[in-house]
Amino acid sequence: MKDKNIGRLLSIIHRNLSAFMDHSTPAEGIGHGQKRLLIEIALNPGRTQEELSELLLKDKTTIARAIKGLEKHGYVRRERNPRDKREFLLFPTEKGLAVLPFALKARDKALMELTKDFTDEEYHLLEKFLRRVAENAVNLRKSSAPHL
């Protein structure tokens, strides 16, 4: 039988990383999930909500809600896609770009601290395993079995 501590460990990692990012990144009115999304928009301006949903392995509704909050607080703006008028392209505002250096510095520090004393091989294995766990988590949510 598999050890049942993985969920608890993932929860501990998530809570502590979220708290660290919230404390390290000055962006009022938005949470850590929105900060993660803001980083992606600032680093890759002009992406669509659907592209961000696929990249971050989050459902479209969650992404739409997060973008609405980012837009409300003045961190991003939407522009109609000239090639497909049904889509919006997302761009950081000046306020959003001002957050980016803090967020990147915090992200880099977190990665260094989380993987300190790892060999290159261990780091790559961890990344490979976590990618599989993330994909499995997305598939689990998509299966959305109401009764186990």
N, C-alpha and C. Protein backbone atom coordinates (compact mmCIF):
# COMPACT_ATOMS: atom_id res chain seq x y z
N MET A 1 0.85 -1.19 0.00
CA MET A 1 0.00 0.00 0.00
C MET A 1 0.89 1.25 0.00
N LYS A 2 0.48 2.24 -0.75
CA LYS A 2 1.27 3.47 -0.87
C LYS A 2 1.06 4.34 0.38
N ASP A 3 2.13 5.06 0.72
CA ASP A 3 2.09 5.99 1.85
C ASP A 3 1.09 7.10 1.52
N LYS A 4 0.31 7.51 2.49
CA LYS A 4 -0.73 8.51 2.26
C LYS A 4 -0.31 9.92 2.65
N ASN A 5 0.99 10.16 2.79
CA ASN A 5 1.48 11.47 3.19
C ASN A 5 1.73 12.42 2.03
N ILE A 6 1.66 11.94 0.80
CA ILE A 6 1.98 12.80 -0.34
C ILE A 6 1.05 14.00 -0.41
N GLY A 7 -0.23 13.80 -0.23
CA GLY A 7 -1.17 14.92 -0.26
C GLY A 7 -0.86 15.95 0.82
N ARG A 8 -0.53 15.49 2.00
CA ARG A 8 -0.19 16.40 3.09
C ARG A 8 1.08 17.18 2.75
N LEU A 9 2.07 16.48 2.21
CA LEU A 9 3.33 17.14 1.85
C LEU A 9 3.11 18.18 0.74
N LEU A 10 2.32 17.83 -0.25
CA LEU A 10 2.02 18.79 -1.33
C LEU A 10 1.28 20.00 -0.78
N SER A 11 0.39 19.77 0.16
CA SER A 11 -0.35 20.87 0.78
C SER A 11 0.58 21.79 1.56
N ILE A 12 1.52 21.21 2.30
CA ILE A 12 2.49 22.01 3.06
C ILE A 12 3.33 22.86 2.10
N ILE A 13 3.80 22.25 1.02
CA ILE A 13 4.60 22.98 0.03
C ILE A 13 3.78 24.12 -0.55
N HIS A 14 2.56 23.83 -0.97
CA HIS A 14 1.71 24.84 -1.60
C HIS A 14 1.42 26.00 -0.65
N ARG A 15 1.03 25.71 0.57
CA ARG A 15 0.70 26.77 1.54
C ARG A 15 1.90 27.66 1.82
N ASN A 16 3.06 27.05 2.02
CA ASN A 16 4.24 27.84 2.35
C ASN A 16 4.77 28.64 1.17
N LEU A 17 4.72 28.07 -0.01
CA LEU A 17 5.12 28.83 -1.20
C LEU A 17 4.16 29.99 -1.45
N SER A 18 2.88 29.74 -1.29
CA SER A 18 1.88 30.80 -1.48
C SER A 18 2.11 31.94 -0.49
N ALA A 19 2.34 31.60 0.78
CA ALA A 19 2.59 32.62 1.79
C ALA A 19 3.87 33.40 1.47
N PHE A 20 4.91 32.69 1.06
CA PHE A 20 6.16 33.36 0.70
C PHE A 20 5.96 34.32 -0.46
N MET A 21 5.29 33.87 -1.52
CA MET A 21 5.07 34.72 -2.68
C MET A 21 4.19 35.92 -2.33
N ASP A 22 3.16 35.70 -1.51
CA ASP A 22 2.30 36.81 -1.11
C ASP A 22 3.09 37.84 -0.31
N HIS A 23 3.95 37.38 0.56
CA HIS A 23 4.76 38.28 1.40
C HIS A 23 5.83 39.00 0.58
N SER A 24 6.37 38.33 -0.44
CA SER A 24 7.51 38.86 -1.20
C SER A 24 7.13 39.70 -2.40
N THR A 25 5.88 39.65 -2.81
CA THR A 25 5.46 40.32 -4.04
C THR A 25 4.39 41.37 -3.73
N PRO A 26 4.75 42.65 -3.81
CA PRO A 26 3.79 43.70 -3.49
C PRO A 26 2.77 43.91 -4.61
N ALA A 27 1.62 43.34 -4.44
CA ALA A 27 0.54 43.51 -5.41
C ALA A 27 -0.76 43.47 -4.62
N GLU A 28 -1.31 44.63 -4.36
CA GLU A 28 -2.49 44.72 -3.52
C GLU A 28 -3.74 44.26 -4.25
N GLY A 29 -4.58 43.55 -3.51
CA GLY A 29 -5.89 43.17 -4.03
C GLY A 29 -5.92 41.86 -4.79
N ILE A 30 -4.76 41.23 -4.98
CA ILE A 30 -4.76 39.96 -5.71
C ILE A 30 -4.04 38.88 -4.90
N GLY A 31 -4.41 37.64 -5.13
CA GLY A 31 -3.83 36.52 -4.42
C GLY A 31 -2.68 35.88 -5.18
N HIS A 32 -2.12 34.83 -4.57
CA HIS A 32 -0.94 34.19 -5.16
C HIS A 32 -1.23 33.56 -6.53
N GLY A 33 -2.41 33.02 -6.72
CA GLY A 33 -2.75 32.44 -8.02
C GLY A 33 -2.78 33.50 -9.11
N GLN A 34 -3.33 34.64 -8.76
CA GLN A 34 -3.37 35.75 -9.72
C GLN A 34 -1.96 36.29 -9.98
N LYS A 35 -1.12 36.27 -8.96
CA LYS A 35 0.27 36.72 -9.16
C LYS A 35 0.98 35.79 -10.13
N ARG A 36 0.74 34.49 -10.00
CA ARG A 36 1.34 33.52 -10.92
C ARG A 36 0.88 33.79 -12.35
N LEU A 37 -0.38 34.07 -12.50
CA LEU A 37 -0.94 34.38 -13.81
C LEU A 37 -0.36 35.69 -14.35
N LEU A 38 -0.23 36.69 -13.49
CA LEU A 38 0.34 37.97 -13.88
C LEU A 38 1.78 37.80 -14.39
N ILE A 39 2.55 36.95 -13.73
CA ILE A 39 3.92 36.68 -14.19
C ILE A 39 3.90 36.15 -15.62
N GLU A 40 3.03 35.18 -15.88
CA GLU A 40 2.95 34.60 -17.23
C GLU A 40 2.54 35.63 -18.26
N ILE A 41 1.58 36.48 -17.91
CA ILE A 41 1.12 37.51 -18.85
C ILE A 41 2.23 38.53 -19.11
N ALA A 42 2.93 38.91 -18.05
CA ALA A 42 4.01 39.91 -18.20
C ALA A 42 5.19 39.36 -19.00
N LEU A 43 5.50 38.09 -18.80
CA LEU A 43 6.63 37.49 -19.53
C LEU A 43 6.27 37.15 -20.97
N ASN A 44 4.98 36.92 -21.23
CA ASN A 44 4.53 36.54 -22.57
C ASN A 44 3.28 37.32 -22.94
N PRO A 45 3.40 38.62 -23.15
CA PRO A 45 2.22 39.43 -23.47
C PRO A 45 1.57 38.99 -24.77
N GLY A 46 0.25 39.11 -24.80
CA GLY A 46 -0.49 38.78 -26.02
C GLY A 46 -1.04 37.36 -26.04
N ARG A 47 -0.90 36.64 -24.95
CA ARG A 47 -1.49 35.29 -24.88
C ARG A 47 -2.99 35.40 -24.64
N THR A 48 -3.68 34.33 -25.01
CA THR A 48 -5.12 34.27 -24.77
C THR A 48 -5.38 33.54 -23.45
N GLN A 49 -6.62 33.68 -22.97
CA GLN A 49 -7.01 32.95 -21.76
C GLN A 49 -6.86 31.45 -21.95
N GLU A 50 -7.23 30.97 -23.12
CA GLU A 50 -7.14 29.54 -23.39
C GLU A 50 -5.68 29.06 -23.35
N GLU A 51 -4.78 29.83 -23.93
CA GLU A 51 -3.36 29.46 -23.89
C GLU A 51 -2.85 29.41 -22.46
N LEU A 52 -3.26 30.37 -21.65
CA LEU A 52 -2.85 30.38 -20.23
C LEU A 52 -3.44 29.20 -19.48
N SER A 53 -4.66 28.86 -19.80
CA SER A 53 -5.31 27.70 -19.17
C SER A 53 -4.53 26.42 -19.46
N GLU A 54 -4.11 26.24 -20.69
CA GLU A 54 -3.34 25.06 -21.08
C GLU A 54 -1.95 25.08 -20.46
N LEU A 55 -1.31 26.23 -20.45
CA LEU A 55 0.04 26.35 -19.91
C LEU A 55 0.08 26.04 -18.42
N LEU A 56 -0.88 26.59 -17.68
CA LEU A 56 -0.89 26.45 -16.23
C LEU A 56 -1.70 25.26 -15.74
N LEU A 57 -2.27 24.51 -16.68
CA LEU A 57 -3.10 23.34 -16.35
C LEU A 57 -4.22 23.71 -15.39
N LYS A 58 -4.88 24.83 -15.69
CA LYS A 58 -6.02 25.28 -14.88
C LYS A 58 -7.23 25.39 -15.79
N ASP A 59 -8.41 25.17 -15.20
CA ASP A 59 -9.61 25.22 -16.04
C ASP A 59 -9.90 26.66 -16.46
N LYS A 60 -10.63 26.77 -17.56
CA LYS A 60 -10.87 28.08 -18.18
C LYS A 60 -11.64 29.02 -17.26
N THR A 61 -12.55 28.49 -16.47
CA THR A 61 -13.34 29.32 -15.56
C THR A 61 -12.45 29.96 -14.51
N THR A 62 -11.52 29.19 -13.96
CA THR A 62 -10.59 29.72 -12.96
C THR A 62 -9.74 30.83 -13.55
N ILE A 63 -9.23 30.60 -14.76
CA ILE A 63 -8.41 31.61 -15.44
C ILE A 63 -9.23 32.87 -15.70
N ALA A 64 -10.45 32.71 -16.18
CA ALA A 64 -11.30 33.86 -16.48
C ALA A 64 -11.57 34.69 -15.23
N ARG A 65 -11.85 34.01 -14.12
CA ARG A 65 -12.12 34.70 -12.86
C ARG A 65 -10.87 35.46 -12.37
N ALA A 66 -9.71 34.81 -12.50
CA ALA A 66 -8.46 35.43 -12.07
C ALA A 66 -8.14 36.66 -12.93
N ILE A 67 -8.35 36.55 -14.22
CA ILE A 67 -8.08 37.68 -15.12
C ILE A 67 -9.02 38.84 -14.82
N LYS A 68 -10.26 38.52 -14.51
CA LYS A 68 -11.22 39.57 -14.15
C LYS A 68 -10.71 40.36 -12.94
N GLY A 69 -10.18 39.66 -11.95
CA GLY A 69 -9.63 40.33 -10.77
C GLY A 69 -8.40 41.15 -11.10
N LEU A 70 -7.52 40.59 -11.93
CA LEU A 70 -6.31 41.33 -12.34
C LEU A 70 -6.68 42.60 -13.10
N GLU A 71 -7.69 42.48 -13.94
CA GLU A 71 -8.15 43.63 -14.72
C GLU A 71 -8.79 44.68 -13.81
N LYS A 72 -9.61 44.22 -12.88
CA LYS A 72 -10.29 45.11 -11.94
C LYS A 72 -9.29 45.93 -11.12
N HIS A 73 -8.18 45.30 -10.73
CA HIS A 73 -7.18 45.98 -9.92
C HIS A 73 -6.10 46.69 -10.75
N GLY A 74 -6.26 46.68 -12.07
CA GLY A 74 -5.39 47.47 -12.93
C GLY A 74 -4.05 46.83 -13.27
N TYR A 75 -3.94 45.49 -13.17
CA TYR A 75 -2.68 44.82 -13.47
C TYR A 75 -2.59 44.32 -14.91
N VAL A 76 -3.71 44.06 -15.54
CA VAL A 76 -3.71 43.60 -16.93
C VAL A 76 -4.82 44.31 -17.71
N ARG A 77 -4.67 44.27 -19.01
CA ARG A 77 -5.72 44.78 -19.91
C ARG A 77 -5.95 43.74 -21.00
N ARG A 78 -7.17 43.76 -21.51
CA ARG A 78 -7.52 42.84 -22.59
C ARG A 78 -7.72 43.62 -23.88
N GLU A 79 -7.31 43.00 -24.98
CA GLU A 79 -7.54 43.57 -26.31
C GLU A 79 -8.12 42.47 -27.19
N ARG A 80 -9.07 42.85 -28.02
CA ARG A 80 -9.64 41.88 -28.97
C ARG A 80 -8.55 41.35 -29.88
N ASN A 81 -8.59 40.07 -30.13
CA ASN A 81 -7.65 39.45 -31.06
C ASN A 81 -8.06 39.87 -32.47
N PRO A 82 -7.18 40.54 -33.21
CA PRO A 82 -7.56 40.97 -34.56
C PRO A 82 -7.85 39.81 -35.51
N ARG A 83 -7.28 38.62 -35.22
CA ARG A 83 -7.51 37.46 -36.08
C ARG A 83 -8.76 36.67 -35.70
N ASP A 84 -9.21 36.82 -34.46
CA ASP A 84 -10.40 36.12 -33.99
C ASP A 84 -11.10 37.02 -32.98
N LYS A 85 -12.12 37.71 -33.42
CA LYS A 85 -12.80 38.72 -32.60
C LYS A 85 -13.46 38.14 -31.35
N ARG A 86 -13.59 36.82 -31.27
CA ARG A 86 -14.19 36.20 -30.07
C ARG A 86 -13.19 36.12 -28.92
N GLU A 87 -11.89 36.20 -29.24
CA GLU A 87 -10.84 36.05 -28.24
C GLU A 87 -10.30 37.40 -27.80
N PHE A 88 -9.74 37.38 -26.58
CA PHE A 88 -9.02 38.54 -26.07
C PHE A 88 -7.57 38.17 -25.85
N LEU A 89 -6.69 39.10 -26.18
CA LEU A 89 -5.27 38.96 -25.89
C LEU A 89 -5.00 39.72 -24.60
N LEU A 90 -4.12 39.19 -23.78
CA LEU A 90 -3.86 39.77 -22.46
C LEU A 90 -2.49 40.43 -22.40
N PHE A 91 -2.47 41.63 -21.82
CA PHE A 91 -1.24 42.39 -21.71
C PHE A 91 -1.12 42.97 -20.31
N PRO A 92 0.11 43.05 -19.80
CA PRO A 92 0.29 43.68 -18.49
C PRO A 92 0.19 45.20 -18.63
N THR A 93 -0.31 45.85 -17.62
CA THR A 93 -0.30 47.31 -17.58
C THR A 93 1.03 47.73 -16.94
N GLU A 94 1.26 49.03 -16.84
CA GLU A 94 2.47 49.51 -16.15
C GLU A 94 2.46 49.03 -14.71
N LYS A 95 1.31 49.05 -14.09
CA LYS A 95 1.18 48.57 -12.71
C LYS A 95 1.54 47.08 -12.63
N GLY A 96 1.11 46.32 -13.60
CA GLY A 96 1.44 44.90 -13.64
C GLY A 96 2.92 44.66 -13.87
N LEU A 97 3.51 45.43 -14.76
CA LEU A 97 4.94 45.29 -15.03
C LEU A 97 5.79 45.69 -13.82
N ALA A 98 5.28 46.61 -12.99
CA ALA A 98 6.03 47.03 -11.81
C ALA A 98 6.15 45.90 -10.79
N VAL A 99 5.22 44.96 -10.80
CA VAL A 99 5.24 43.82 -9.88
C VAL A 99 6.23 42.75 -10.33
N LEU A 100 6.48 42.69 -11.62
CA LEU A 100 7.27 41.60 -12.20
C LEU A 100 8.65 41.40 -11.57
N PRO A 101 9.48 42.43 -11.38
CA PRO A 101 10.81 42.18 -10.79
C PRO A 101 10.73 41.54 -9.41
N PHE A 102 9.78 41.96 -8.59
CA PHE A 102 9.61 41.39 -7.25
C PHE A 102 9.18 39.92 -7.34
N ALA A 103 8.24 39.66 -8.25
CA ALA A 103 7.73 38.29 -8.40
C ALA A 103 8.80 37.35 -8.92
N LEU A 104 9.59 37.81 -9.88
CA LEU A 104 10.65 36.95 -10.43
C LEU A 104 11.74 36.69 -9.40
N LYS A 105 12.09 37.73 -8.65
CA LYS A 105 13.10 37.56 -7.60
C LYS A 105 12.61 36.55 -6.55
N ALA A 106 11.36 36.68 -6.15
CA ALA A 106 10.79 35.75 -5.16
C ALA A 106 10.71 34.34 -5.73
N ARG A 107 10.31 34.22 -6.99
CA ARG A 107 10.21 32.90 -7.62
C ARG A 107 11.57 32.23 -7.69
N ASP A 108 12.60 32.99 -8.07
CA ASP A 108 13.95 32.44 -8.15
C ASP A 108 14.47 32.02 -6.79
N LYS A 109 14.23 32.85 -5.78
CA LYS A 109 14.68 32.51 -4.43
C LYS A 109 13.97 31.25 -3.93
N ALA A 110 12.67 31.15 -4.17
CA ALA A 110 11.91 29.98 -3.74
C ALA A 110 12.46 28.72 -4.40
N LEU A 111 12.71 28.78 -5.70
CA LEU A 111 13.24 27.62 -6.41
C LEU A 111 14.60 27.22 -5.87
N MET A 112 15.46 28.21 -5.62
CA MET A 112 16.79 27.90 -5.08
C MET A 112 16.68 27.25 -3.70
N GLU A 113 15.82 27.77 -2.86
CA GLU A 113 15.68 27.23 -1.51
C GLU A 113 15.05 25.84 -1.51
N LEU A 114 14.06 25.65 -2.36
CA LEU A 114 13.39 24.35 -2.42
C LEU A 114 14.28 23.24 -2.95
N THR A 115 15.22 23.61 -3.80
CA THR A 115 16.04 22.58 -4.44
C THR A 115 17.51 22.65 -4.02
N LYS A 116 17.80 23.36 -2.93
CA LYS A 116 19.19 23.43 -2.49
C LYS A 116 19.65 22.03 -2.09
N ASP A 117 20.89 21.77 -2.35
CA ASP A 117 21.52 20.47 -2.08
C ASP A 117 21.03 19.35 -3.00
N PHE A 118 20.27 19.68 -4.05
CA PHE A 118 19.86 18.69 -5.04
C PHE A 118 20.96 18.61 -6.11
N THR A 119 21.25 17.42 -6.56
CA THR A 119 22.13 17.29 -7.72
C THR A 119 21.31 17.64 -8.96
N ASP A 120 21.99 17.85 -10.07
CA ASP A 120 21.27 18.12 -11.32
C ASP A 120 20.32 16.97 -11.65
N GLU A 121 20.79 15.75 -11.45
CA GLU A 121 19.96 14.58 -11.74
C GLU A 121 18.72 14.55 -10.84
N GLU A 122 18.90 14.83 -9.56
CA GLU A 122 17.76 14.85 -8.64
C GLU A 122 16.76 15.93 -9.02
N TYR A 123 17.28 17.09 -9.40
CA TYR A 123 16.41 18.19 -9.81
C TYR A 123 15.56 17.78 -11.02
N HIS A 124 16.20 17.18 -12.02
CA HIS A 124 15.47 16.80 -13.24
C HIS A 124 14.47 15.68 -12.95
N LEU A 125 14.82 14.76 -12.08
CA LEU A 125 13.87 13.72 -11.69
C LEU A 125 12.68 14.32 -10.95
N LEU A 126 12.94 15.23 -10.04
CA LEU A 126 11.86 15.90 -9.31
C LEU A 126 10.92 16.60 -10.27
N GLU A 127 11.50 17.34 -11.20
CA GLU A 127 10.68 18.05 -12.19
C GLU A 127 9.84 17.06 -13.00
N LYS A 128 10.43 15.97 -13.43
CA LYS A 128 9.72 14.96 -14.21
C LYS A 128 8.56 14.37 -13.40
N PHE A 129 8.84 14.02 -12.14
CA PHE A 129 7.80 13.41 -11.30
C PHE A 129 6.69 14.40 -10.98
N LEU A 130 7.06 15.63 -10.69
CA LEU A 130 6.03 16.63 -10.37
C LEU A 130 5.17 16.94 -11.59
N ARG A 131 5.76 16.94 -12.77
CA ARG A 131 4.98 17.14 -13.99
C ARG A 131 3.94 16.04 -14.14
N ARG A 132 4.35 14.80 -13.89
CA ARG A 132 3.41 13.67 -13.96
C ARG A 132 2.32 13.79 -12.91
N VAL A 133 2.69 14.18 -11.70
CA VAL A 133 1.69 14.35 -10.64
C VAL A 133 0.70 15.45 -11.03
N ALA A 134 1.21 16.56 -11.58
CA ALA A 134 0.34 17.67 -12.00
C ALA A 134 -0.62 17.21 -13.10
N GLU A 135 -0.12 16.50 -14.08
CA GLU A 135 -0.99 16.00 -15.15
C GLU A 135 -2.03 15.03 -14.61
N ASN A 136 -1.62 14.17 -13.69
CA ASN A 136 -2.57 13.24 -13.07
C ASN A 136 -3.64 13.99 -12.28
N ALA A 137 -3.24 15.07 -11.61
CA ALA A 137 -4.19 15.88 -10.84
C ALA A 137 -5.22 16.53 -11.77
N VAL A 138 -4.75 17.04 -12.90
CA VAL A 138 -5.67 17.64 -13.87
C VAL A 138 -6.63 16.59 -14.39
N ASN A 139 -6.13 15.42 -14.72
CA ASN A 139 -7.00 14.34 -15.22
C ASN A 139 -8.00 13.91 -14.17
N LEU A 140 -7.58 13.89 -12.91
CA LEU A 140 -8.48 13.53 -11.82
C LEU A 140 -9.62 14.53 -11.73
N ARG A 141 -9.28 15.83 -11.78
CA ARG A 141 -10.31 16.86 -11.73
C ARG A 141 -11.26 16.75 -12.92
N LYS A 142 -10.69 16.49 -14.09
CA LYS A 142 -11.52 16.39 -15.29
C LYS A 142 -12.47 15.19 -15.24
N SER A 143 -12.04 14.12 -14.58
CA SER A 143 -12.92 12.96 -14.47
C SER A 143 -14.09 13.28 -13.56
N SER A 144 -13.87 14.20 -12.63
CA SER A 144 -14.88 14.71 -11.69
C SER A 144 -15.93 13.67 -11.30
N ALA A 145 -15.43 12.55 -10.82
CA ALA A 145 -16.33 11.50 -10.33
C ALA A 145 -17.03 11.99 -9.06
N PRO A 146 -18.35 12.19 -9.13
CA PRO A 146 -19.05 12.73 -7.96
C PRO A 146 -19.10 11.76 -6.78
N HIS A 147 -19.07 10.49 -7.05
CA HIS A 147 -19.13 9.48 -5.99
C HIS A 147 -17.99 8.49 -6.18
N LEU A 148 -17.28 8.25 -5.11
CA LEU A 148 -16.14 7.33 -5.21
C LEU A 148 -16.53 5.92 -4.96
